[in-house]
Protein backbone atom coordinates (compact mmCIF):
# COMPACT_ATOMS: atom_id res chain seq x y z
CA MET A 1 -7.56 -23.98 -13.39
CA LYS A 2 -5.40 -23.01 -16.34
CA GLN A 3 -1.80 -21.79 -16.22
CA LEU A 4 -1.65 -18.17 -15.07
CA ARG A 5 0.88 -15.40 -14.49
CA ILE A 6 0.15 -13.62 -11.21
CA GLY A 7 1.91 -10.55 -9.82
CA THR A 8 2.16 -9.31 -6.26
CA ALA A 9 3.56 -5.92 -5.29
CA GLN A 10 4.91 -3.96 -2.35
CA PHE A 11 4.98 -0.18 -2.15
CA GLU A 12 5.17 2.61 0.40
CA ALA A 13 1.69 4.12 0.49
CA ARG A 14 0.89 7.64 1.66
CA ASP A 15 -1.93 8.22 4.15
CA ARG A 16 -5.04 9.74 2.52
CA ASP A 17 -3.16 10.39 -0.76
CA THR A 18 -5.19 8.28 -3.16
CA ASP A 19 -3.73 9.99 -6.23
CA TYR A 20 -0.18 9.11 -5.20
CA ASN A 21 -1.16 5.57 -4.26
CA PHE A 22 -2.96 5.07 -7.57
CA GLY A 23 0.18 6.32 -9.29
CA ARG A 24 2.21 3.59 -7.63
CA ILE A 25 -0.45 0.98 -8.44
CA GLU A 26 -0.35 2.02 -12.09
CA ALA A 27 3.47 2.06 -12.36
CA LEU A 28 3.90 -1.33 -10.71
CA SER A 29 1.04 -2.80 -12.74
CA ARG A 30 2.77 -1.67 -15.93
CA GLN A 31 5.92 -3.48 -14.83
CA ALA A 32 3.91 -6.63 -14.14
CA VAL A 33 2.16 -6.42 -17.51
CA ALA A 34 5.59 -6.22 -19.17
CA ALA A 35 6.27 -9.56 -17.46
CA ASN A 36 3.01 -10.97 -18.92
CA ALA A 37 0.96 -10.84 -15.71
CA ASP A 38 -2.72 -11.75 -15.91
CA LEU A 39 -3.52 -10.34 -12.45
CA VAL A 40 -1.63 -7.93 -10.17
CA CYS A 41 -2.34 -7.72 -6.42
CA PHE A 42 -1.71 -4.90 -3.96
CA HIS A 43 -1.96 -4.72 -0.18
CA GLU A 44 -4.81 -4.16 2.25
CA CYS A 45 -6.24 -0.60 2.07
CA SER A 46 -3.59 0.20 -0.54
CA ILE A 47 -5.72 3.02 -1.98
CA PRO A 48 -6.24 5.26 1.11
CA GLY A 49 -3.58 3.85 3.49
CA TYR A 50 -4.29 1.78 6.57
CA THR A 51 -2.54 2.09 9.94
CA PHE A 52 -3.44 5.77 10.40
CA LEU A 53 -7.11 4.74 10.60
CA GLU A 54 -6.44 3.78 14.24
CA ASN A 55 -6.55 7.43 15.32
CA LEU A 56 -9.46 8.68 13.19
CA SER A 57 -12.91 9.66 14.43
CA ARG A 58 -16.04 8.15 12.94
CA ALA A 59 -16.55 11.25 10.79
CA ASP A 60 -12.98 11.21 9.50
CA THR A 61 -13.21 7.49 8.69
CA GLU A 62 -16.49 8.01 6.85
CA ALA A 63 -14.87 10.79 4.82
CA LEU A 64 -12.44 8.20 3.40
CA ALA A 65 -15.11 5.60 2.69
CA GLU A 66 -16.99 5.04 -0.56
CA PRO A 67 -19.48 2.61 -2.05
CA VAL A 68 -18.38 -0.49 -3.95
CA PRO A 69 -18.57 -0.97 -6.90
CA ASP A 70 -20.03 2.41 -7.84
CA GLY A 71 -17.55 4.57 -5.93
CA PRO A 72 -14.75 6.57 -7.56
CA SER A 73 -11.84 4.29 -6.55
CA THR A 74 -13.45 1.12 -7.88
CA GLN A 75 -14.31 2.87 -11.13
CA ARG A 76 -10.79 4.29 -11.37
CA LEU A 77 -9.32 0.83 -10.84
CA ILE A 78 -11.56 -0.60 -13.56
CA LYS A 79 -10.42 2.14 -15.94
CA LEU A 80 -6.78 1.31 -15.19
CA SER A 81 -7.47 -2.39 -15.65
CA ARG A 82 -8.94 -1.72 -19.09
CA SER A 83 -6.11 0.53 -20.15
CA LEU A 84 -3.48 -2.08 -19.19
CA ASN A 85 -5.59 -5.14 -20.11
CA VAL A 86 -4.88 -6.84 -16.79
CA ALA A 87 -6.94 -7.81 -13.73
CA LEU A 88 -6.16 -5.86 -10.56
CA GLY A 89 -6.75 -6.22 -6.81
CA ALA A 90 -6.53 -3.39 -4.26
CA GLY A 91 -8.01 -2.38 -0.90
CA LEU A 92 -10.10 0.51 0.43
CA ILE A 93 -12.71 1.50 3.03
CA GLU A 94 -16.22 0.69 1.85
CA GLN A 95 -19.40 2.38 3.04
CA ASP A 96 -22.66 0.45 2.86
CA GLY A 97 -25.46 2.29 4.63
CA GLU A 98 -24.40 2.89 8.21
CA HIS A 99 -21.60 0.32 8.04
CA LEU A 100 -17.95 0.77 7.13
CA TYR A 101 -15.82 -2.18 5.98
CA ASN A 102 -12.19 -2.92 5.24
CA THR A 103 -12.82 -4.20 1.72
CA TYR A 104 -10.63 -5.65 -1.01
CA ILE A 105 -11.83 -5.38 -4.59
CA VAL A 106 -10.86 -7.28 -7.72
CA VAL A 107 -11.58 -5.88 -11.17
CA SER A 108 -10.85 -6.90 -14.74
CA PRO A 109 -11.02 -5.19 -18.13
CA GLU A 110 -14.65 -6.41 -18.25
CA GLY A 111 -15.48 -4.54 -15.03
CA PHE A 112 -16.05 -5.27 -11.34
CA VAL A 113 -15.40 -8.91 -10.38
CA ALA A 114 -15.57 -9.39 -6.59
CA LYS A 115 -15.12 -7.85 -3.16
CA HIS A 116 -14.30 -9.23 0.27
CA ARG A 117 -15.10 -7.55 3.56
CA LYS A 118 -12.48 -8.36 6.19
CA ILE A 119 -13.95 -10.95 8.53
CA HIS A 120 -11.73 -9.97 11.47
CA ALA A 121 -11.72 -6.17 11.29
CA PHE A 122 -8.74 -4.54 12.96
CA ILE A 123 -7.32 -1.11 13.84
CA SER A 124 -10.54 0.97 13.86
CA GLU A 125 -13.56 0.54 16.12
CA HIS A 126 -15.62 2.24 13.41
CA VAL A 127 -15.03 -0.56 10.89
CA SER A 128 -17.43 -3.51 10.99
CA CYS A 129 -16.51 -7.16 10.43
CA GLY A 130 -17.58 -8.94 7.28
CA ASP A 131 -19.72 -12.04 7.67
CA SER A 132 -18.95 -14.28 4.69
CA TYR A 133 -16.25 -15.99 2.68
CA THR A 134 -15.45 -14.89 -0.84
CA VAL A 135 -14.80 -17.25 -3.75
CA PHE A 136 -15.10 -16.19 -7.40
CA ASP A 137 -14.23 -17.20 -10.96
CA LEU A 138 -11.63 -15.24 -12.92
CA LEU A 139 -9.16 -16.04 -15.69
CA GLY A 140 -10.29 -19.65 -15.84
CA ALA A 141 -9.51 -20.26 -12.15
CA LYS A 142 -11.32 -20.25 -8.82
CA PHE A 143 -10.04 -17.51 -6.51
CA GLY A 144 -10.59 -16.84 -2.81
CA LEU A 145 -9.95 -13.68 -0.78
CA LEU A 146 -8.85 -13.24 2.84
CA ILE A 147 -7.58 -9.96 4.28
CA CYS A 148 -4.61 -10.00 6.68
CA TYR A 149 -5.78 -11.36 10.08
CA ASP A 150 -8.39 -13.45 8.26
CA ALA A 151 -5.56 -15.64 6.96
CA ASN A 152 -3.99 -16.08 10.40
CA LEU A 153 -6.93 -18.24 11.42
CA LEU A 154 -6.49 -21.65 9.85
CA GLU A 155 -10.25 -22.23 9.73
CA ASN A 156 -10.75 -19.33 7.30
CA VAL A 157 -8.19 -20.61 4.82
CA ARG A 158 -9.50 -24.17 5.10
CA LEU A 159 -13.11 -23.13 4.50
CA THR A 160 -12.17 -20.91 1.57
CA ALA A 161 -10.32 -23.86 0.03
CA MET A 162 -13.29 -26.13 0.73
CA LEU A 163 -15.52 -23.68 -1.16
CA GLY A 164 -13.36 -24.39 -4.20
CA ALA A 165 -10.61 -21.76 -4.12
CA GLU A 166 -7.46 -22.82 -5.96
CA ILE A 167 -5.70 -19.46 -5.49
CA ILE A 168 -6.23 -17.35 -2.37
CA LEU A 169 -5.31 -13.67 -2.45
CA MET A 170 -4.01 -12.56 0.97
CA PRO A 171 -3.53 -8.76 1.07
CA HIS A 172 -1.90 -7.65 4.32
CA VAL A 173 -0.53 -4.74 6.31
CA THR A 174 1.59 -6.61 8.82
CA GLY A 175 4.96 -7.26 10.38
CA CYS A 176 7.16 -5.25 12.74
CA LEU A 177 4.41 -4.94 15.34
CA PRO A 178 4.39 -5.07 19.14
CA SER A 179 4.21 -8.63 20.41
CA PRO A 180 5.23 -10.71 23.43
CA MET A 181 6.85 -13.22 21.07
CA PRO A 182 10.67 -13.43 21.30
CA GLY A 183 12.39 -11.11 18.85
CA ARG A 184 9.24 -9.28 17.78
CA ARG A 185 8.63 -5.53 18.17
CA GLN A 186 8.67 -2.54 15.87
CA VAL A 187 11.49 -1.45 13.58
CA ALA A 188 12.95 1.95 14.45
CA PRO A 189 12.09 4.55 11.77
CA GLU A 190 15.75 5.53 11.39
CA VAL A 191 16.58 2.00 10.21
CA TRP A 192 14.24 2.48 7.24
CA HIS A 193 15.23 6.06 6.51
CA ASN A 194 18.92 5.10 6.54
CA ARG A 195 18.42 2.06 4.27
CA GLU A 196 20.50 3.42 1.38
CA MET A 197 23.54 4.03 3.59
CA ASP A 198 23.02 0.89 5.68
CA PRO A 199 20.92 -1.65 3.75
CA ILE A 200 22.31 -4.58 5.75
CA THR A 201 20.78 -3.47 9.06
CA CYS A 202 17.45 -2.79 7.38
CA ARG A 203 17.44 -6.16 5.64
CA GLN A 204 18.37 -7.95 8.86
CA GLU A 205 15.46 -6.28 10.68
CA PHE A 206 13.01 -7.13 7.89
CA ASP A 207 14.21 -10.73 7.50
CA GLY A 208 14.34 -11.55 11.22
CA PRO A 209 11.53 -12.41 13.65
CA LYS A 210 10.00 -8.95 13.31
CA GLY A 211 9.19 -9.53 9.65
CA ARG A 212 9.88 -12.42 7.30
CA GLY A 213 10.83 -14.81 10.10
CA TRP A 214 7.35 -14.48 11.57
CA ILE A 215 5.57 -14.72 8.21
CA MET A 216 7.42 -17.94 7.40
CA ARG A 217 6.10 -19.54 10.60
CA TRP A 218 2.56 -19.73 9.24
CA LEU A 219 2.11 -18.57 5.64
CA PRO A 220 3.75 -21.58 3.92
CA THR A 221 1.68 -23.81 6.21
CA ARG A 222 -1.58 -22.20 5.03
CA ALA A 223 -0.68 -22.97 1.42
CA TYR A 224 0.61 -26.48 2.17
CA GLU A 225 -2.14 -27.72 4.48
CA ASN A 226 -4.87 -26.65 2.05
CA GLY A 227 -3.16 -27.36 -1.26
CA ILE A 228 -3.69 -23.84 -2.63
CA TYR A 229 -1.62 -21.09 -4.21
CA ALA A 230 -1.24 -18.17 -1.77
CA VAL A 231 -0.68 -14.65 -3.12
CA TYR A 232 0.57 -12.52 -0.21
CA SER A 233 0.97 -8.75 -0.55
CA ASN A 234 2.31 -6.32 2.06
CA PRO A 235 3.47 -2.68 2.07
CA ILE A 236 7.04 -1.60 2.69
CA GLY A 237 8.34 1.43 4.56
CA VAL A 238 6.35 4.02 6.50
CA GLU A 239 2.78 2.89 7.24
CA GLY A 240 1.05 5.26 9.63
CA ASP A 241 3.32 5.35 12.69
CA THR A 242 5.00 2.02 11.91
CA ILE A 243 7.56 0.60 9.50
CA LYS A 244 6.47 -2.33 7.38
CA PRO A 245 8.86 -4.95 5.90
CA GLY A 246 7.22 -5.64 2.52
CA GLY A 247 8.14 -9.14 1.41
CA SER A 248 5.19 -9.72 -0.89
CA MET A 249 5.40 -13.29 -2.20
CA ILE A 250 3.64 -16.09 -4.01
CA LEU A 251 3.64 -19.63 -2.63
CA ASP A 252 2.69 -22.83 -4.41
CA PRO A 253 0.46 -25.63 -3.03
CA PHE A 254 3.54 -27.30 -1.50
CA GLY A 255 4.22 -24.17 0.59
CA GLU A 256 7.28 -23.22 -1.48
CA VAL A 257 8.01 -19.57 -2.26
CA ILE A 258 8.06 -19.21 -6.06
CA ALA A 259 8.39 -15.40 -6.23
CA GLU A 260 9.22 -12.78 -3.60
CA CYS A 261 9.87 -9.03 -3.41
CA ARG A 262 13.34 -8.48 -1.96
CA GLN A 263 14.12 -4.84 -2.74
CA LEU A 264 14.16 -2.21 0.01
CA GLY A 265 11.61 -0.20 -1.94
CA ASP A 266 8.66 -0.47 -4.27
CA GLU A 267 8.68 -3.68 -6.31
CA VAL A 268 6.49 -6.18 -8.12
CA VAL A 269 7.22 -9.85 -8.87
CA VAL A 270 5.39 -12.24 -11.20
CA ALA A 271 5.18 -16.04 -11.04
CA THR A 272 3.68 -18.76 -13.21
CA LEU A 273 1.01 -20.82 -11.45
CA ASP A 274 1.02 -24.40 -12.70
CA PRO A 275 -2.38 -26.14 -12.37
CA GLY A 276 -0.67 -29.54 -12.23
CA LYS A 277 0.59 -28.84 -8.70
CA LEU A 278 -2.92 -28.63 -7.29
CA GLU A 279 -3.75 -32.31 -7.71
CA LEU A 280 -0.34 -33.42 -6.46
CA ALA A 281 -0.41 -31.27 -3.32
CA PRO A 282 -0.86 -33.19 -0.02
CA GLY A 283 -3.24 -30.51 1.28
CA ARG A 284 -5.95 -31.65 -1.10
CA GLY A 285 -5.70 -35.11 0.40
CA TYR A 286 -5.92 -33.67 3.91
CA ILE A 287 -9.23 -32.02 3.01
CA ARG A 288 -10.59 -35.29 1.63
CA ALA A 289 -9.46 -37.15 4.77
CA ARG A 290 -11.37 -34.93 7.20
CA ARG A 291 -13.69 -36.45 9.87
CA PRO A 292 -16.33 -33.70 10.27
CA GLU A 293 -18.34 -35.81 12.70
CA LEU A 294 -15.56 -35.20 15.25
CA TYR A 295 -15.43 -31.42 14.86
CA GLY A 296 -18.49 -30.25 16.79
CA ALA A 297 -16.41 -28.49 19.45
CA MET A 298 -14.91 -26.20 16.77
CA THR A 299 -18.21 -24.32 16.48
CA GLU A 300 -18.58 -23.75 20.23
CA PRO A 301 -17.17 -20.79 22.22
CA ASN A 302 -14.17 -21.56 24.39
CA PRO A 303 -14.68 -19.89 27.79
CA ASN A 304 -11.09 -20.64 28.77
CA LEU A 305 -9.81 -18.11 26.22
CA GLY A 306 -12.19 -15.23 26.94
CA SER A 307 -14.95 -13.72 24.84
CA ASP A 308 -13.23 -10.78 23.11
CA ASN A 309 -12.70 -11.77 19.49
CA ARG A 310 -11.59 -8.42 18.05
CA PRO A 311 -7.84 -8.86 17.45
CA GLU A 312 -6.90 -5.31 18.44
CA ILE A 313 -8.04 -5.97 22.01
CA TRP A 314 -5.19 -8.48 22.38
CA TRP A 315 -2.81 -6.33 20.32
CA LYS A 316 -3.33 -3.13 22.30
CA LYS A 317 -2.89 -5.06 25.55
CA HIS A 318 0.65 -5.94 24.48
CA ARG A 319 1.75 -2.62 22.96
């Protein structure tokens, strides 16, 4: 890996309004380019919107979907990448034959680079789960991709790192969701809409256990235990019928936050990724110290925890 400048953004997307969302992607990408970014990352389904998919029929979901890489959104993103001379990552709904996927695409001025289909599909029963990990070369580095819930499972991050990823992009739409955990639950819409008059209350809600407090329980650990750079992106504001806390950030292989969006609005931050940290990070040693001969039980179903592995089954139970 060589030294890179990576940007991660937060913005308030509009459901179904791809033109508006592309406008925000372009504006924030321009800001990142002014800060010498080599790659700029946006959140899960940042092109069409995400949470509103929960209530759509199969036909309505298909109407939002498009092929990758030949579809209009991928080609539009490539065009923007060329015009700004920067690599870009954004999310959409992909259609491949009869299957729909929550897909994240990465493009560069040279064209389409990679896509990842979310392994643990969420929200919509019409969206299928992907069945593979994604690792690719770009900008002289080895990148991995995991979408939202994918990164919650430690096995997915570990295996992506074991496939060679030095930097893992982790686009999300998360935070401020129903949960039985203490302090969790949704943020009231009026807290967001009144943020200019009362920014303190909004910031306290976003920084507490509903938002950043929960993220900091596990995200730094994923970076630390695997010795990778983690590039986390998340929307802010209204997302479907929820409020999202933003907080897009970049973490180094020691699990330290080296850049973070802190505004109560659209923002992009850029950090320098130092390749020297990779070899010094303890997580690389943890991977080398593994005892795979002891891990057979990890590949077997656990009947004590039930058989439903779609995350929304658990989530809807606790709404």
